[in-house]
N, C-alpha and C. Protein backbone atom coordinates (compact mmCIF):
# COMPACT_ATOMS: atom_id res chain seq x y z
N MET A 1 118.72 94.96 101.37
CA MET A 1 119.35 94.75 102.64
C MET A 1 118.64 95.61 103.65
N GLU A 2 118.55 95.09 104.84
CA GLU A 2 117.90 95.85 105.90
C GLU A 2 118.71 95.69 107.18
N LEU A 3 118.86 96.80 107.89
CA LEU A 3 119.49 96.78 109.20
C LEU A 3 118.39 96.83 110.23
N ASP A 4 118.45 95.90 111.17
CA ASP A 4 117.41 95.80 112.19
C ASP A 4 117.96 96.21 113.54
N GLY A 5 117.22 97.05 114.22
CA GLY A 5 117.51 97.39 115.60
C GLY A 5 116.72 96.48 116.51
N SER A 6 116.80 96.73 117.79
CA SER A 6 116.16 95.84 118.77
C SER A 6 114.65 95.77 118.61
N GLN A 7 114.01 96.81 118.06
CA GLN A 7 112.56 96.79 117.90
C GLN A 7 112.11 95.69 116.95
N HIS A 8 112.98 95.23 116.07
CA HIS A 8 112.59 94.19 115.11
C HIS A 8 112.46 92.83 115.77
N GLY A 9 113.03 92.65 116.96
CA GLY A 9 112.84 91.41 117.69
C GLY A 9 111.40 91.21 118.10
N GLU A 10 110.64 92.30 118.15
CA GLU A 10 109.24 92.25 118.54
C GLU A 10 108.29 92.18 117.36
N GLN A 11 108.80 92.32 116.14
CA GLN A 11 107.92 92.30 114.96
C GLN A 11 108.38 91.26 113.95
N VAL A 12 108.71 90.08 114.44
CA VAL A 12 109.23 89.01 113.60
C VAL A 12 108.24 88.61 112.52
N ILE A 13 106.98 88.46 112.87
CA ILE A 13 105.96 88.02 111.89
C ILE A 13 105.83 89.06 110.78
N TYR A 14 105.82 90.35 111.13
CA TYR A 14 105.75 91.41 110.12
C TYR A 14 106.94 91.32 109.18
N ASP A 15 108.15 91.17 109.74
CA ASP A 15 109.36 91.10 108.91
C ASP A 15 109.34 89.88 108.01
N GLU A 16 108.91 88.72 108.54
CA GLU A 16 108.85 87.50 107.71
C GLU A 16 107.85 87.65 106.58
N THR A 17 106.70 88.25 106.86
CA THR A 17 105.68 88.47 105.82
C THR A 17 106.20 89.42 104.75
N ARG A 18 106.83 90.50 105.18
CA ARG A 18 107.40 91.47 104.24
C ARG A 18 108.49 90.84 103.39
N THR A 19 109.37 90.06 104.02
CA THR A 19 110.44 89.39 103.28
C THR A 19 109.85 88.44 102.24
N HIS A 20 108.86 87.65 102.62
CA HIS A 20 108.23 86.71 101.68
C HIS A 20 107.63 87.46 100.49
N LYS A 21 106.93 88.55 100.76
CA LYS A 21 106.33 89.32 99.67
C LYS A 21 107.38 89.86 98.72
N LEU A 22 108.45 90.42 99.26
CA LEU A 22 109.52 90.95 98.41
C LEU A 22 110.20 89.84 97.61
N GLU A 23 110.40 88.68 98.23
CA GLU A 23 111.03 87.57 97.51
C GLU A 23 110.15 87.05 96.39
N THR A 24 108.82 87.05 96.56
CA THR A 24 107.95 86.61 95.47
C THR A 24 107.97 87.60 94.31
N MET A 25 108.42 88.83 94.59
CA MET A 25 108.55 89.83 93.53
C MET A 25 109.95 89.79 92.90
N GLY A 26 110.81 88.87 93.37
CA GLY A 26 112.12 88.71 92.78
C GLY A 26 113.25 89.40 93.52
N TYR A 27 112.96 89.96 94.68
CA TYR A 27 114.01 90.61 95.47
C TYR A 27 114.58 89.63 96.47
N ARG A 28 115.83 89.84 96.81
CA ARG A 28 116.47 89.06 97.86
C ARG A 28 116.66 89.98 99.06
N MET A 29 116.26 89.50 100.21
CA MET A 29 116.40 90.28 101.44
C MET A 29 117.58 89.75 102.25
N LEU A 30 118.42 90.65 102.65
CA LEU A 30 119.48 90.34 103.59
C LEU A 30 119.20 91.20 104.81
N ARG A 31 119.13 90.57 105.94
CA ARG A 31 118.80 91.31 107.16
C ARG A 31 119.93 91.13 108.15
N PHE A 32 120.42 92.24 108.68
CA PHE A 32 121.50 92.23 109.65
C PHE A 32 121.11 93.07 110.86
N TRP A 33 121.54 92.64 112.02
CA TRP A 33 121.34 93.42 113.23
C TRP A 33 122.31 94.59 113.22
N ASP A 34 121.85 95.74 113.72
CA ASP A 34 122.71 96.93 113.81
C ASP A 34 124.03 96.59 114.49
N ASN A 35 123.95 95.84 115.57
CA ASN A 35 125.15 95.50 116.33
C ASN A 35 126.15 94.70 115.49
N ASP A 36 125.67 93.83 114.61
CA ASP A 36 126.57 93.07 113.74
C ASP A 36 127.33 94.00 112.81
N VAL A 37 126.65 95.00 112.29
CA VAL A 37 127.31 95.95 111.38
C VAL A 37 128.37 96.75 112.14
N LEU A 38 128.06 97.09 113.36
CA LEU A 38 129.00 97.88 114.16
C LEU A 38 130.19 97.07 114.69
N THR A 39 129.98 95.79 114.98
CA THR A 39 131.04 95.01 115.62
C THR A 39 131.63 93.92 114.74
N ASN A 40 130.98 93.60 113.62
CA ASN A 40 131.45 92.51 112.76
C ASN A 40 131.24 92.86 111.29
N ILE A 41 131.72 94.01 110.90
CA ILE A 41 131.50 94.48 109.52
C ILE A 41 132.08 93.51 108.50
N GLU A 42 133.20 92.85 108.82
CA GLU A 42 133.80 91.90 107.88
C GLU A 42 132.86 90.73 107.63
N GLY A 43 132.22 90.23 108.67
CA GLY A 43 131.27 89.13 108.51
C GLY A 43 130.05 89.55 107.71
N VAL A 44 129.58 90.77 107.93
CA VAL A 44 128.43 91.29 107.18
C VAL A 44 128.79 91.43 105.70
N LEU A 45 129.96 92.00 105.44
CA LEU A 45 130.38 92.16 104.04
C LEU A 45 130.57 90.81 103.35
N GLU A 46 131.09 89.83 104.07
CA GLU A 46 131.25 88.48 103.52
C GLU A 46 129.89 87.88 103.16
N ALA A 47 128.91 88.06 104.04
CA ALA A 47 127.56 87.54 103.77
C ALA A 47 126.97 88.21 102.54
N ILE A 48 127.22 89.49 102.36
CA ILE A 48 126.72 90.21 101.19
C ILE A 48 127.40 89.67 99.92
N LEU A 49 128.71 89.45 99.98
CA LEU A 49 129.42 88.91 98.81
C LEU A 49 128.93 87.51 98.45
N VAL A 50 128.66 86.69 99.45
CA VAL A 50 128.14 85.34 99.19
C VAL A 50 126.77 85.44 98.51
N ALA A 51 125.93 86.34 98.99
CA ALA A 51 124.60 86.51 98.40
C ALA A 51 124.69 87.01 96.96
N LEU A 52 125.62 87.91 96.71
CA LEU A 52 125.79 88.43 95.34
C LEU A 52 126.29 87.36 94.38
N ALA A 53 127.04 86.39 94.89
CA ALA A 53 127.59 85.34 94.04
C ALA A 53 126.58 84.23 93.75
N SER A 54 125.49 84.18 94.50
CA SER A 54 124.50 83.12 94.29
C SER A 54 123.36 83.65 93.41
N PRO A 55 122.66 82.74 92.73
CA PRO A 55 121.59 83.18 91.83
C PRO A 55 120.49 83.94 92.58
N ALA A 56 119.96 84.92 91.91
CA ALA A 56 118.87 85.71 92.48
C ALA A 56 117.58 84.91 92.41
N PRO A 57 116.67 85.14 93.36
CA PRO A 57 115.38 84.45 93.28
C PRO A 57 114.57 84.94 92.08
N HIS A 58 113.72 84.09 91.56
CA HIS A 58 112.86 84.47 90.45
C HIS A 58 111.51 84.92 90.99
N PRO A 59 110.97 85.97 90.42
CA PRO A 59 109.64 86.39 90.87
C PRO A 59 108.61 85.31 90.56
N ASN A 60 107.60 85.23 91.37
CA ASN A 60 106.55 84.24 91.17
C ASN A 60 105.21 84.93 91.28
N PRO A 61 104.45 85.05 90.23
CA PRO A 61 104.76 84.59 88.88
C PRO A 61 105.72 85.54 88.18
N LEU A 62 106.33 85.04 87.14
CA LEU A 62 107.25 85.88 86.36
C LEU A 62 106.47 87.02 85.72
N PRO A 63 107.08 88.18 85.59
CA PRO A 63 106.37 89.31 84.98
C PRO A 63 105.99 89.04 83.53
N GLY A 64 104.87 89.55 83.12
CA GLY A 64 104.45 89.46 81.73
C GLY A 64 104.06 88.06 81.29
N GLY A 65 103.77 87.15 82.22
CA GLY A 65 103.36 85.81 81.85
C GLY A 65 104.43 85.02 81.15
N GLU A 66 105.70 85.24 81.51
CA GLU A 66 106.81 84.59 80.82
C GLU A 66 106.91 83.10 81.11
N ARG A 67 106.37 82.63 82.21
CA ARG A 67 106.49 81.23 82.57
C ARG A 67 105.79 80.34 81.56
N GLY A 68 106.51 79.33 81.10
CA GLY A 68 105.91 78.31 80.26
C GLY A 68 105.65 78.72 78.82
N GLN A 69 106.06 79.90 78.41
CA GLN A 69 105.82 80.31 77.03
C GLN A 69 107.11 80.25 76.25
N GLY A 70 107.07 79.59 75.12
CA GLY A 70 108.21 79.58 74.23
C GLY A 70 108.12 80.76 73.28
N SER A 71 109.08 80.87 72.40
CA SER A 71 109.02 81.96 71.43
C SER A 71 107.93 81.68 70.41
N ARG A 72 107.26 82.71 70.01
CA ARG A 72 106.18 82.57 69.04
C ARG A 72 106.59 83.23 67.74
N GLU A 73 106.34 82.51 66.68
CA GLU A 73 106.61 83.08 65.36
C GLU A 73 105.28 83.34 64.69
N THR A 74 105.16 84.47 64.03
CA THR A 74 103.91 84.80 63.34
C THR A 74 104.10 84.81 61.87
């Protein structure tokens, strides 16, 4: 989760690139404006609960080459 102040309105491309990179590593980014946290904490908390209830993104590629491999018996 990240709280953004007004300076983040000027660095949208940086934030989008950073979010994409983190999501490909399996992280979910939730971004809220400082003002929303100060004036609408219930809405922010609801958004966090909704995100927690939904499936997490999978890293791409999966760590350790797990994609497409079945169990191996030796």
